[in-house]
Amino acid sequence: MNHADRFRYTADRLDRLADVPTDSLAHIVIRDAACIDALTAEDPPELTGEDAADRELAARLCSGCPVQEECLELELRWTGAHTAGVFGALPDKDRRALYPYWRARRTRRYRGGDQR
């Protein structure tokens, strides 16, 4: 699967969260996210700017997290294309690439257009 297909697939999966209120998503992520301890530590892990290393860090931080999609949805709502760090098992570069796909689906959804 190429990057564009992967981003379309991810945006499609996030559609199930479109009607969940943002404050509810935030509550779920803060309560259940696997990374909260790592990210609030005195010396949290940082992205390197290198694609492979940053994807590895994202995968490691989010491994086994039960709310990866909720976290990703929340971050896309809050920061959109101006994202930084690791959220939803994706480094910021991947989330910035995903954002236009996610945004296009939401725009069509709320304008009443067909998403598929």
PDB file of N, CA and C in Angstrom:
ATOM      1  N   MET A   1       0.860  -1.172   0.000  1.00  0.00           N
ATOM      2  CA  MET A   1       0.000   0.000   0.000  1.00  0.00           C
ATOM      3  C   MET A   1       0.905   1.233   0.000  1.00  0.00           C
ATOM      4  N   ASN A   2       0.679   2.146  -0.949  1.00  0.00           N
ATOM      5  CA  ASN A   2       1.494   3.362  -0.994  1.00  0.00           C
ATOM      6  C   ASN A   2       1.002   4.361   0.061  1.00  0.00           C
ATOM      7  N   HIS A   3       1.750   5.448   0.216  1.00  0.00           N
ATOM      8  CA  HIS A   3       1.412   6.428   1.264  1.00  0.00           C
ATOM      9  C   HIS A   3       0.017   7.022   1.074  1.00  0.00           C
ATOM     10  N   ALA A   4      -0.331   7.410  -0.146  1.00  0.00           N
ATOM     11  CA  ALA A   4      -1.646   8.024  -0.385  1.00  0.00           C
ATOM     12  C   ALA A   4      -2.767   7.051  -0.026  1.00  0.00           C
ATOM     13  N   ASP A   5      -2.616   5.789  -0.418  1.00  0.00           N
ATOM     14  CA  ASP A   5      -3.631   4.787  -0.076  1.00  0.00           C
ATOM     15  C   ASP A   5      -3.725   4.598   1.434  1.00  0.00           C
ATOM     16  N   ARG A   6      -2.582   4.585   2.098  1.00  0.00           N
ATOM     17  CA  ARG A   6      -2.572   4.424   3.556  1.00  0.00           C
ATOM     18  C   ARG A   6      -3.276   5.596   4.238  1.00  0.00           C
ATOM     19  N   PHE A   7      -3.045   6.803   3.752  1.00  0.00           N
ATOM     20  CA  PHE A   7      -3.688   7.976   4.349  1.00  0.00           C
ATOM     21  C   PHE A   7      -5.196   7.969   4.081  1.00  0.00           C
ATOM     22  N   ARG A   8      -5.610   7.570   2.883  1.00  0.00           N
ATOM     23  CA  ARG A   8      -7.041   7.470   2.592  1.00  0.00           C
ATOM     24  C   ARG A   8      -7.701   6.424   3.492  1.00  0.00           C
ATOM     25  N   TYR A   9      -7.032   5.290   3.658  1.00  0.00           N
ATOM     26  CA  TYR A   9      -7.557   4.224   4.510  1.00  0.00           C
ATOM     27  C   TYR A   9      -7.686   4.704   5.962  1.00  0.00           C
ATOM     28  N   THR A  10      -6.681   5.400   6.451  1.00  0.00           N
ATOM     29  CA  THR A  10      -6.705   5.907   7.823  1.00  0.00           C
ATOM     30  C   THR A  10      -7.825   6.931   7.993  1.00  0.00           C
ATOM     31  N   ALA A  11      -7.950   7.845   7.049  1.00  0.00           N
ATOM     32  CA  ALA A  11      -9.024   8.847   7.121  1.00  0.00           C
ATOM     33  C   ALA A  11     -10.390   8.168   7.113  1.00  0.00           C
ATOM     34  N   ASP A  12     -10.529   7.128   6.334  1.00  0.00           N
ATOM     35  CA  ASP A  12     -11.783   6.374   6.284  1.00  0.00           C
ATOM     36  C   ASP A  12     -12.092   5.745   7.642  1.00  0.00           C
ATOM     37  N   ARG A  13     -11.097   5.151   8.286  1.00  0.00           N
ATOM     38  CA  ARG A  13     -11.299   4.531   9.606  1.00  0.00           C
ATOM     39  C   ARG A  13     -11.709   5.558  10.651  1.00  0.00           C
ATOM     40  N   LEU A  14     -11.204   6.773  10.527  1.00  0.00           N
ATOM     41  CA  LEU A  14     -11.517   7.805  11.518  1.00  0.00           C
ATOM     42  C   LEU A  14     -12.940   8.341  11.387  1.00  0.00           C
ATOM     43  N   ASP A  15     -13.595   8.049  10.285  1.00  0.00           N
ATOM     44  CA  ASP A  15     -14.977   8.518  10.108  1.00  0.00           C
ATOM     45  C   ASP A  15     -15.894   8.064  11.235  1.00  0.00           C
ATOM     46  N   ARG A  16     -15.627   6.924  11.830  1.00  0.00           N
ATOM     47  CA  ARG A  16     -16.484   6.422  12.913  1.00  0.00           C
ATOM     48  C   ARG A  16     -16.467   7.357  14.123  1.00  0.00           C
ATOM     49  N   LEU A  17     -15.453   8.226  14.199  1.00  0.00           N
ATOM     50  CA  LEU A  17     -15.331   9.149  15.331  1.00  0.00           C
ATOM     51  C   LEU A  17     -15.824  10.562  15.012  1.00  0.00           C
ATOM     52  N   ALA A  18     -16.291  10.768  13.804  1.00  0.00           N
ATOM     53  CA  ALA A  18     -16.662  12.118  13.356  1.00  0.00           C
ATOM     54  C   ALA A  18     -17.703  12.786  14.245  1.00  0.00           C
ATOM     55  N   ASP A  19     -18.639  12.022  14.777  1.00  0.00           N
ATOM     56  CA  ASP A  19     -19.716  12.617  15.569  1.00  0.00           C
ATOM     57  C   ASP A  19     -19.463  12.594  17.076  1.00  0.00           C
ATOM     58  N   VAL A  20     -18.302  12.098  17.477  1.00  0.00           N
ATOM     59  CA  VAL A  20     -17.970  12.077  18.903  1.00  0.00           C
ATOM     60  C   VAL A  20     -17.517  13.485  19.299  1.00  0.00           C
ATOM     61  N   PRO A  21     -18.104  14.065  20.325  1.00  0.00           N
ATOM     62  CA  PRO A  21     -17.694  15.407  20.745  1.00  0.00           C
ATOM     63  C   PRO A  21     -16.215  15.460  21.126  1.00  0.00           C
ATOM     64  N   THR A  22     -15.582  16.566  20.807  1.00  0.00           N
ATOM     65  CA  THR A  22     -14.156  16.727  21.065  1.00  0.00           C
ATOM     66  C   THR A  22     -13.822  16.566  22.543  1.00  0.00           C
ATOM     67  N   ASP A  23     -14.638  17.114  23.434  1.00  0.00           N
ATOM     68  CA  ASP A  23     -14.341  16.979  24.861  1.00  0.00           C
ATOM     69  C   ASP A  23     -14.437  15.520  25.312  1.00  0.00           C
ATOM     70  N   SER A  24     -15.311  14.744  24.708  1.00  0.00           N
ATOM     71  CA  SER A  24     -15.392  13.314  25.035  1.00  0.00           C
ATOM     72  C   SER A  24     -14.146  12.582  24.558  1.00  0.00           C
ATOM     73  N   LEU A  25     -13.687  12.907  23.354  1.00  0.00           N
ATOM     74  CA  LEU A  25     -12.446  12.301  22.852  1.00  0.00           C
ATOM     75  C   LEU A  25     -11.273  12.638  23.768  1.00  0.00           C
ATOM     76  N   ALA A  26     -11.188  13.891  24.171  1.00  0.00           N
ATOM     77  CA  ALA A  26     -10.092  14.308  25.047  1.00  0.00           C
ATOM     78  C   ALA A  26     -10.120  13.527  26.356  1.00  0.00           C
ATOM     79  N   HIS A  27     -11.285  13.360  26.924  1.00  0.00           N
ATOM     80  CA  HIS A  27     -11.421  12.616  28.170  1.00  0.00           C
ATOM     81  C   HIS A  27     -10.957  11.165  27.982  1.00  0.00           C
ATOM     82  N   ILE A  28     -11.382  10.537  26.909  1.00  0.00           N
ATOM     83  CA  ILE A  28     -11.008   9.152  26.631  1.00  0.00           C
ATOM     84  C   ILE A  28      -9.502   9.025  26.460  1.00  0.00           C
ATOM     85  N   VAL A  29      -8.912   9.913  25.683  1.00  0.00           N
ATOM     86  CA  VAL A  29      -7.473   9.836  25.418  1.00  0.00           C
ATOM     87  C   VAL A  29      -6.675  10.081  26.696  1.00  0.00           C
ATOM     88  N   ILE A  30      -7.021  11.089  27.447  1.00  0.00           N
ATOM     89  CA  ILE A  30      -6.290  11.372  28.692  1.00  0.00           C
ATOM     90  C   ILE A  30      -6.415  10.223  29.679  1.00  0.00           C
ATOM     91  N   ARG A  31      -7.577   9.620  29.742  1.00  0.00           N
ATOM     92  CA  ARG A  31      -7.820   8.522  30.674  1.00  0.00           C
ATOM     93  C   ARG A  31      -7.119   7.228  30.253  1.00  0.00           C
ATOM     94  N   ASP A  32      -7.111   6.915  28.943  1.00  0.00           N
ATOM     95  CA  ASP A  32      -6.712   5.582  28.500  1.00  0.00           C
ATOM     96  C   ASP A  32      -5.431   5.488  27.683  1.00  0.00           C
ATOM     97  N   ALA A  33      -4.847   6.587  27.272  1.00  0.00           N
ATOM     98  CA  ALA A  33      -3.674   6.534  26.385  1.00  0.00           C
ATOM     99  C   ALA A  33      -2.476   5.879  27.065  1.00  0.00           C
ATOM    100  N   ALA A  34      -1.816   5.028  26.323  1.00  0.00           N
ATOM    101  CA  ALA A  34      -0.641   4.310  26.830  1.00  0.00           C
ATOM    102  C   ALA A  34       0.560   5.234  27.006  1.00  0.00           C
ATOM    103  N   CYS A  35       0.589   6.346  26.311  1.00  0.00           N
ATOM    104  CA  CYS A  35       1.778   7.202  26.296  1.00  0.00           C
ATOM    105  C   CYS A  35       1.809   8.269  27.375  1.00  0.00           C
ATOM    106  N   ILE A  36       0.744   8.460  28.092  1.00  0.00           N
ATOM    107  CA  ILE A  36       0.668   9.588  29.032  1.00  0.00           C
ATOM    108  C   ILE A  36       1.869   9.637  29.969  1.00  0.00           C
ATOM    109  N   ASP A  37       2.269   8.513  30.517  1.00  0.00           N
ATOM    110  CA  ASP A  37       3.421   8.502  31.425  1.00  0.00           C
ATOM    111  C   ASP A  37       4.702   8.910  30.708  1.00  0.00           C
ATOM    112  N   ALA A  38       4.922   8.390  29.509  1.00  0.00           N
ATOM    113  CA  ALA A  38       6.147   8.711  28.765  1.00  0.00           C
ATOM    114  C   ALA A  38       6.196  10.179  28.372  1.00  0.00           C
ATOM    115  N   LEU A  39       5.075  10.717  27.970  1.00  0.00           N
ATOM    116  CA  LEU A  39       5.057  12.097  27.494  1.00  0.00           C
ATOM    117  C   LEU A  39       5.079  13.120  28.613  1.00  0.00           C
ATOM    118  N   THR A  40       4.715  12.722  29.812  1.00  0.00           N
ATOM    119  CA  THR A  40       4.759  13.648  30.936  1.00  0.00           C
ATOM    120  C   THR A  40       6.004  13.442  31.793  1.00  0.00           C
ATOM    121  N   ALA A  41       6.882  12.567  31.366  1.00  0.00           N
ATOM    122  CA  ALA A  41       8.127  12.312  32.103  1.00  0.00           C
ATOM    123  C   ALA A  41       9.027  13.544  32.048  1.00  0.00           C
ATOM    124  N   GLU A  42       9.992  13.569  32.938  1.00  0.00           N
ATOM    125  CA  GLU A  42      10.919  14.687  33.002  1.00  0.00           C
ATOM    126  C   GLU A  42      11.712  14.850  31.705  1.00  0.00           C
ATOM    127  N   ASP A  43      12.046  13.741  31.054  1.00  0.00           N
ATOM    128  CA  ASP A  43      12.818  13.765  29.815  1.00  0.00           C
ATOM    129  C   ASP A  43      12.075  12.953  28.744  1.00  0.00           C
ATOM    130  N   PRO A  44      10.977  13.506  28.161  1.00  0.00           N
ATOM    131  CA  PRO A  44      10.188  12.745  27.194  1.00  0.00           C
ATOM    132  C   PRO A  44      10.970  12.490  25.906  1.00  0.00           C
ATOM    133  N   PRO A  45      10.651  11.412  25.201  1.00  0.00           N
ATOM    134  CA  PRO A  45      11.328  11.131  23.936  1.00  0.00           C
ATOM    135  C   PRO A  45      11.003  12.206  22.903  1.00  0.00           C
ATOM    136  N   GLU A  46      11.952  12.465  21.991  1.00  0.00           N
ATOM    137  CA  GLU A  46      11.763  13.503  20.983  1.00  0.00           C
ATOM    138  C   GLU A  46      11.923  12.935  19.586  1.00  0.00           C
ATOM    139  N   LEU A  47      11.229  13.551  18.643  1.00  0.00           N
ATOM    140  CA  LEU A  47      11.377  13.169  17.244  1.00  0.00           C
ATOM    141  C   LEU A  47      12.732  13.641  16.728  1.00  0.00           C
ATOM    142  N   THR A  48      13.270  12.911  15.751  1.00  0.00           N
ATOM    143  CA  THR A  48      14.591  13.230  15.207  1.00  0.00           C
ATOM    144  C   THR A  48      14.529  13.998  13.904  1.00  0.00           C
ATOM    145  N   GLY A  49      13.376  13.944  13.234  1.00  0.00           N
ATOM    146  CA  GLY A  49      13.275  14.548  11.916  1.00  0.00           C
ATOM    147  C   GLY A  49      13.588  13.554  10.804  1.00  0.00           C
ATOM    148  N   GLU A  50      13.984  12.357  11.166  1.00  0.00           N
ATOM    149  CA  GLU A  50      14.258  11.300  10.189  1.00  0.00           C
ATOM    150  C   GLU A  50      13.049  10.366  10.150  1.00  0.00           C
ATOM    151  N   ASP A  51      12.522  10.166   8.945  1.00  0.00           N
ATOM    152  CA  ASP A  51      11.270   9.415   8.794  1.00  0.00           C
ATOM    153  C   ASP A  51      11.288   8.059   9.493  1.00  0.00           C
ATOM    154  N   ALA A  52      12.266   7.234   9.203  1.00  0.00           N
ATOM    155  CA  ALA A  52      12.289   5.870   9.758  1.00  0.00           C
ATOM    156  C   ALA A  52      12.383   5.898  11.282  1.00  0.00           C
ATOM    157  N   ALA A  53      13.249   6.723  11.818  1.00  0.00           N
ATOM    158  CA  ALA A  53      13.429   6.802  13.271  1.00  0.00           C
ATOM    159  C   ALA A  53      12.172   7.342  13.950  1.00  0.00           C
ATOM    160  N   ASP A  54      11.539   8.336  13.343  1.00  0.00           N
ATOM    161  CA  ASP A  54      10.334   8.915  13.940  1.00  0.00           C
ATOM    162  C   ASP A  54       9.158   7.943  13.882  1.00  0.00           C
ATOM    163  N   ARG A  55       9.060   7.185  12.798  1.00  0.00           N
ATOM    164  CA  ARG A  55       7.989   6.175  12.723  1.00  0.00           C
ATOM    165  C   ARG A  55       8.218   5.079  13.755  1.00  0.00           C
ATOM    166  N   GLU A  56       9.467   4.708  13.978  1.00  0.00           N
ATOM    167  CA  GLU A  56       9.806   3.697  14.992  1.00  0.00           C
ATOM    168  C   GLU A  56       9.438   4.209  16.384  1.00  0.00           C
ATOM    169  N   LEU A  57       9.764   5.454  16.678  1.00  0.00           N
ATOM    170  CA  LEU A  57       9.413   6.046  17.974  1.00  0.00           C
ATOM    171  C   LEU A  57       7.896   6.065  18.158  1.00  0.00           C
ATOM    172  N   ALA A  58       7.178   6.477  17.136  1.00  0.00           N
ATOM    173  CA  ALA A  58       5.707   6.518  17.215  1.00  0.00           C
ATOM    174  C   ALA A  58       5.147   5.126  17.463  1.00  0.00           C
ATOM    175  N   ALA A  59       5.645   4.147  16.738  1.00  0.00           N
ATOM    176  CA  ALA A  59       5.169   2.771  16.913  1.00  0.00           C
ATOM    177  C   ALA A  59       5.469   2.273  18.325  1.00  0.00           C
ATOM    178  N   ARG A  60       6.646   2.583  18.831  1.00  0.00           N
ATOM    179  CA  ARG A  60       7.040   2.140  20.169  1.00  0.00           C
ATOM    180  C   ARG A  60       6.206   2.823  21.253  1.00  0.00           C
ATOM    181  N   LEU A  61       6.037   4.136  21.160  1.00  0.00           N
ATOM    182  CA  LEU A  61       5.261   4.871  22.171  1.00  0.00           C
ATOM    183  C   LEU A  61       3.801   4.425  22.208  1.00  0.00           C
ATOM    184  N   CYS A  62       3.256   4.110  21.045  1.00  0.00           N
ATOM    185  CA  CYS A  62       1.827   3.813  20.947  1.00  0.00           C
ATOM    186  C   CYS A  62       1.516   2.317  20.918  1.00  0.00           C
ATOM    187  N   SER A  63       2.534   1.509  21.048  1.00  0.00           N
ATOM    188  CA  SER A  63       2.345   0.065  20.994  1.00  0.00           C
ATOM    189  C   SER A  63       1.341  -0.393  22.048  1.00  0.00           C
ATOM    190  N   GLY A  64       0.318  -1.073  21.599  1.00  0.00           N
ATOM    191  CA  GLY A  64      -0.693  -1.603  22.509  1.00  0.00           C
ATOM    192  C   GLY A  64      -1.685  -0.587  23.049  1.00  0.00           C
ATOM    193  N   CYS A  65      -1.602   0.636  22.606  1.00  0.00           N
ATOM    194  CA  CYS A  65      -2.528   1.660  23.101  1.00  0.00           C
ATOM    195  C   CYS A  65      -3.940   1.376  22.597  1.00  0.00           C
ATOM    196  N   PRO A  66      -4.913   1.384  23.490  1.00  0.00           N
ATOM    197  CA  PRO A  66      -6.285   1.077  23.076  1.00  0.00           C
ATOM    198  C   PRO A  66      -7.018   2.260  22.430  1.00  0.00           C
ATOM    199  N   VAL A  67      -6.410   3.436  22.431  1.00  0.00           N
ATOM    200  CA  VAL A  67      -7.110   4.618  21.913  1.00  0.00           C
ATOM    201  C   VAL A  67      -6.309   5.338  20.823  1.00  0.00           C
ATOM    202  N   GLN A  68      -5.602   4.593  20.010  1.00  0.00           N
ATOM    203  CA  GLN A  68      -4.793   5.213  18.955  1.00  0.00           C
ATOM    204  C   GLN A  68      -5.626   6.042  17.998  1.00  0.00           C
ATOM    205  N   GLU A  69      -6.748   5.511  17.533  1.00  0.00           N
ATOM    206  CA  GLU A  69      -7.568   6.258  16.581  1.00  0.00           C
ATOM    207  C   GLU A  69      -8.212   7.478  17.235  1.00  0.00           C
ATOM    208  N   GLU A  70      -8.644   7.343  18.464  1.00  0.00           N
ATOM    209  CA  GLU A  70      -9.221   8.481  19.177  1.00  0.00           C
ATOM    210  C   GLU A  70      -8.178   9.584  19.346  1.00  0.00           C
ATOM    211  N   CYS A  71      -6.964   9.204  19.663  1.00  0.00           N
ATOM    212  CA  CYS A  71      -5.861  10.154  19.825  1.00  0.00           C
ATOM    213  C   CYS A  71      -5.563  10.870  18.507  1.00  0.00           C
ATOM    214  N   LEU A  72      -5.511  10.097  17.437  1.00  0.00           N
ATOM    215  CA  LEU A  72      -5.246  10.679  16.121  1.00  0.00           C
ATOM    216  C   LEU A  72      -6.364  11.635  15.712  1.00  0.00           C
ATOM    217  N   GLU A  73      -7.597  11.233  15.892  1.00  0.00           N
ATOM    218  CA  GLU A  73      -8.747  12.089  15.577  1.00  0.00           C
ATOM    219  C   GLU A  73      -8.675  13.391  16.374  1.00  0.00           C
ATOM    220  N   LEU A  74      -8.395  13.280  17.649  1.00  0.00           N
ATOM    221  CA  LEU A  74      -8.325  14.455  18.509  1.00  0.00           C
ATOM    222  C   LEU A  74      -7.222  15.409  18.050  1.00  0.00           C
ATOM    223  N   GLU A  75      -6.069  14.883  17.749  1.00  0.00           N
ATOM    224  CA  GLU A  75      -4.953  15.728  17.313  1.00  0.00           C
ATOM    225  C   GLU A  75      -5.265  16.410  15.983  1.00  0.00           C
ATOM    226  N   LEU A  76      -5.882  15.702  15.058  1.00  0.00           N
ATOM    227  CA  LEU A  76      -6.246  16.324  13.779  1.00  0.00           C
ATOM    228  C   LEU A  76      -7.252  17.448  13.988  1.00  0.00           C
ATOM    229  N   ARG A  77      -8.178  17.285  14.907  1.00  0.00           N
ATOM    230  CA  ARG A  77      -9.146  18.356  15.199  1.00  0.00           C
ATOM    231  C   ARG A  77      -8.456  19.547  15.849  1.00  0.00           C
ATOM    232  N   TRP A  78      -7.617  19.279  16.836  1.00  0.00           N
ATOM    233  CA  TRP A  78      -6.997  20.358  17.606  1.00  0.00           C
ATOM    234  C   TRP A  78      -5.976  21.158  16.817  1.00  0.00           C
ATOM    235  N   THR A  79      -5.108  20.469  16.071  1.00  0.00           N
ATOM    236  CA  THR A  79      -3.991  21.184  15.449  1.00  0.00           C
ATOM    237  C   THR A  79      -3.963  21.118  13.939  1.00  0.00           C
ATOM    238  N   GLY A  80      -4.724  20.217  13.348  1.00  0.00           N
ATOM    239  CA  GLY A  80      -4.761  20.127  11.893  1.00  0.00           C
ATOM    240  C   GLY A  80      -3.389  19.917  11.291  1.00  0.00           C
ATOM    241  N   ALA A  81      -3.054  20.714  10.321  1.00  0.00           N
ATOM    242  CA  ALA A  81      -1.784  20.583   9.607  1.00  0.00           C
ATOM    243  C   ALA A  81      -0.603  21.144  10.406  1.00  0.00           C
ATOM    244  N   HIS A  82      -0.856  21.731  11.550  1.00  0.00           N
ATOM    245  CA  HIS A  82       0.206  22.355  12.351  1.00  0.00           C
ATOM    246  C   HIS A  82       0.638  21.458  13.509  1.00  0.00           C
ATOM    247  N   THR A  83       0.548  20.193  13.317  1.00  0.00           N
ATOM    248  CA  THR A  83       0.788  19.209  14.347  1.00  0.00           C
ATOM    249  C   THR A  83       2.276  18.992  14.616  1.00  0.00           C
ATOM    250  N   ALA A  84       2.597  18.585  15.823  1.00  0.00           N
ATOM    251  CA  ALA A  84       3.980  18.262  16.193  1.00  0.00           C
ATOM    252  C   ALA A  84       3.957  17.133  17.210  1.00  0.00           C
ATOM    253  N   GLY A  85       4.976  16.318  17.209  1.00  0.00           N
ATOM    254  CA  GLY A  85       5.078  15.219  18.164  1.00  0.00           C
ATOM    255  C   GLY A  85       4.489  13.929  17.626  1.00  0.00           C
ATOM    256  N   VAL A  86       4.163  13.033  18.542  1.00  0.00           N
ATOM    257  CA  VAL A  86       3.597  11.727  18.200  1.00  0.00           C
ATOM    258  C   VAL A  86       2.181  11.646  18.752  1.00  0.00           C
ATOM    259  N   PHE A  87       1.234  11.347  17.880  1.00  0.00           N
ATOM    260  CA  PHE A  87      -0.159  11.140  18.273  1.00  0.00           C
ATOM    261  C   PHE A  87      -0.747  10.064  17.385  1.00  0.00           C
ATOM    262  N   GLY A  88      -1.522   9.172  17.968  1.00  0.00           N
ATOM    263  CA  GLY A  88      -2.193   8.142  17.190  1.00  0.00           C
ATOM    264  C   GLY A  88      -1.254   7.233  16.435  1.00  0.00           C
ATOM    265  N   ALA A  89      -0.082   6.987  16.980  1.00  0.00           N
ATOM    266  CA  ALA A  89       0.937   6.114  16.400  1.00  0.00           C
ATOM    267  C   ALA A  89       1.551   6.674  15.119  1.00  0.00           C
ATOM    268  N   LEU A  90       1.403   7.971  14.901  1.00  0.00           N
ATOM    269  CA  LEU A  90       2.001   8.597  13.721  1.00  0.00           C
ATOM    270  C   LEU A  90       2.862   9.786  14.135  1.00  0.00           C
ATOM    271  N   PRO A  91       4.042   9.912  13.527  1.00  0.00           N
ATOM    272  CA  PRO A  91       4.834  11.122  13.763  1.00  0.00           C
ATOM    273  C   PRO A  91       4.203  12.309  13.039  1.00  0.00           C
ATOM    274  N   ASP A  92       4.636  13.500  13.385  1.00  0.00           N
ATOM    275  CA  ASP A  92       4.018  14.710  12.845  1.00  0.00           C
ATOM    276  C   ASP A  92       4.042  14.789  11.327  1.00  0.00           C
ATOM    277  N   LYS A  93       5.129  14.375  10.692  1.00  0.00           N
ATOM    278  CA  LYS A  93       5.204  14.449   9.227  1.00  0.00           C
ATOM    279  C   LYS A  93       4.086  13.621   8.580  1.00  0.00           C
ATOM    280  N   ASP A  94       3.830  12.434   9.113  1.00  0.00           N
ATOM    281  CA  ASP A  94       2.765  11.593   8.571  1.00  0.00           C
ATOM    282  C   ASP A  94       1.385  12.192   8.844  1.00  0.00           C
ATOM    283  N   ARG A  95       1.203  12.799  10.004  1.00  0.00           N
ATOM    284  CA  ARG A  95      -0.095  13.420  10.298  1.00  0.00           C
ATOM    285  C   ARG A  95      -0.344  14.639   9.412  1.00  0.00           C
ATOM    286  N   ARG A  96       0.715  15.388   9.119  1.00  0.00           N
ATOM    287  CA  ARG A  96       0.538  16.524   8.203  1.00  0.00           C
ATOM    288  C   ARG A  96       0.152  16.030   6.809  1.00  0.00           C
ATOM    289  N   ALA A  97       0.687  14.893   6.389  1.00  0.00           N
ATOM    290  CA  ALA A  97       0.323  14.313   5.089  1.00  0.00           C
ATOM    291  C   ALA A  97      -1.089  13.727   5.123  1.00  0.00           C
ATOM    292  N   LEU A  98      -1.506  13.185   6.258  1.00  0.00           N
ATOM    293  CA  LEU A  98      -2.842  12.623   6.414  1.00  0.00           C
ATOM    294  C   LEU A  98      -3.914  13.713   6.454  1.00  0.00           C
ATOM    295  N   TYR A  99      -3.600  14.845   7.019  1.00  0.00           N
ATOM    296  CA  TYR A  99      -4.590  15.888   7.275  1.00  0.00           C
ATOM    297  C   TYR A  99      -5.454  16.248   6.061  1.00  0.00           C
ATOM    298  N   PRO A 100      -4.893  16.484   4.870  1.00  0.00           N
ATOM    299  CA  PRO A 100      -5.758  16.838   3.738  1.00  0.00           C
ATOM    300  C   PRO A 100      -6.788  15.751   3.398  1.00  0.00           C
ATOM    301  N   TYR A 101      -6.431  14.502   3.552  1.00  0.00           N
ATOM    302  CA  TYR A 101      -7.369  13.401   3.295  1.00  0.00           C
ATOM    303  C   TYR A 101      -8.482  13.408   4.342  1.00  0.00           C
ATOM    304  N   TRP A 102      -8.087  13.562   5.595  1.00  0.00           N
ATOM    305  CA  TRP A 102      -9.049  13.604   6.699  1.00  0.00           C
ATOM    306  C   TRP A 102      -9.986  14.803   6.529  1.00  0.00           C
ATOM    307  N   ARG A 103      -9.408  15.955   6.237  1.00  0.00           N
ATOM    308  CA  ARG A 103     -10.189  17.189   6.103  1.00  0.00           C
ATOM    309  C   ARG A 103     -11.172  17.097   4.940  1.00  0.00           C
ATOM    310  N   ALA A 104     -10.743  16.547   3.824  1.00  0.00           N
ATOM    311  CA  ALA A 104     -11.617  16.409   2.660  1.00  0.00           C
ATOM    312  C   ALA A 104     -12.818  15.519   2.987  1.00  0.00           C
ATOM    313  N   ARG A 105     -12.592  14.449   3.719  1.00  0.00           N
ATOM    314  CA  ARG A 105     -13.697  13.557   4.094  1.00  0.00           C
ATOM    315  C   ARG A 105     -14.672  14.294   5.010  1.00  0.00           C
ATOM    316  N   ARG A 106     -14.161  15.047   5.969  1.00  0.00           N
ATOM    317  CA  ARG A 106     -15.034  15.777   6.880  1.00  0.00           C
ATOM    318  C   ARG A 106     -15.806  16.865   6.149  1.00  0.00           C
ATOM    319  N   THR A 107     -15.173  17.550   5.240  1.00  0.00           N
ATOM    320  CA  THR A 107     -15.845  18.598   4.480  1.00  0.00           C
ATOM    321  C   THR A 107     -16.992  18.002   3.678  1.00  0.00           C
ATOM    322  N   ARG A 108     -16.742  16.889   3.002  1.00  0.00           N
ATOM    323  CA  ARG A 108     -17.816  16.229   2.244  1.00  0.00           C
ATOM    324  C   ARG A 108     -18.910  15.738   3.170  1.00  0.00           C
ATOM    325  N   ARG A 109     -18.528  15.207   4.327  1.00  0.00           N
ATOM    326  CA  ARG A 109     -19.515  14.675   5.268  1.00  0.00           C
ATOM    327  C   ARG A 109     -20.473  15.766   5.729  1.00  0.00           C
ATOM    328  N   TYR A 110     -19.935  16.903   6.115  1.00  0.00           N
ATOM    329  CA  TYR A 110     -20.778  17.951   6.677  1.00  0.00           C
ATOM    330  C   TYR A 110     -21.466  18.797   5.625  1.00  0.00           C
ATOM    331  N   ARG A 111     -21.049  18.660   4.386  1.00  0.00           N
ATOM    332  CA  ARG A 111     -21.767  19.322   3.296  1.00  0.00           C
ATOM    333  C   ARG A 111     -22.798  18.385   2.691  1.00  0.00           C
ATOM    334  N   GLY A 112     -22.825  17.154   3.194  1.00  0.00           N
ATOM    335  CA  GLY A 112     -23.828  16.205   2.737  1.00  0.00           C
ATOM    336  C   GLY A 112     -23.424  15.416   1.517  1.00  0.00           C
ATOM    337  N   GLY A 113     -22.167  15.529   1.095  1.00  0.00           N
ATOM    338  CA  GLY A 113     -21.716  14.799  -0.086  1.00  0.00           C
ATOM    339  C   GLY A 113     -21.352  13.366   0.217  1.00  0.00           C
ATOM    340  N   ASP A 114     -21.253  12.577  -0.798  1.00  0.00           N
ATOM    341  CA  ASP A 114     -20.870  11.179  -0.670  1.00  0.00           C
ATOM    342  C   ASP A 114     -19.381  11.101  -0.368  1.00  0.00           C
ATOM    343  N   GLN A 115     -19.005  10.297   0.617  1.00  0.00           N
ATOM    344  CA  GLN A 115     -17.603  10.183   1.026  1.00  0.00           C
ATOM    345  C   GLN A 115     -16.857   9.107   0.265  1.00  0.00           C
ATOM    346  N   ARG A 116     -17.508   8.225  -0.363  1.00  0.00           N
ATOM    347  CA  ARG A 116     -16.812   7.052  -0.928  1.00  0.00           C
ATOM    348  C   ARG A 116     -16.588   7.177  -2.403  1.00  0.00           C
TER     349      ARG A 116
END
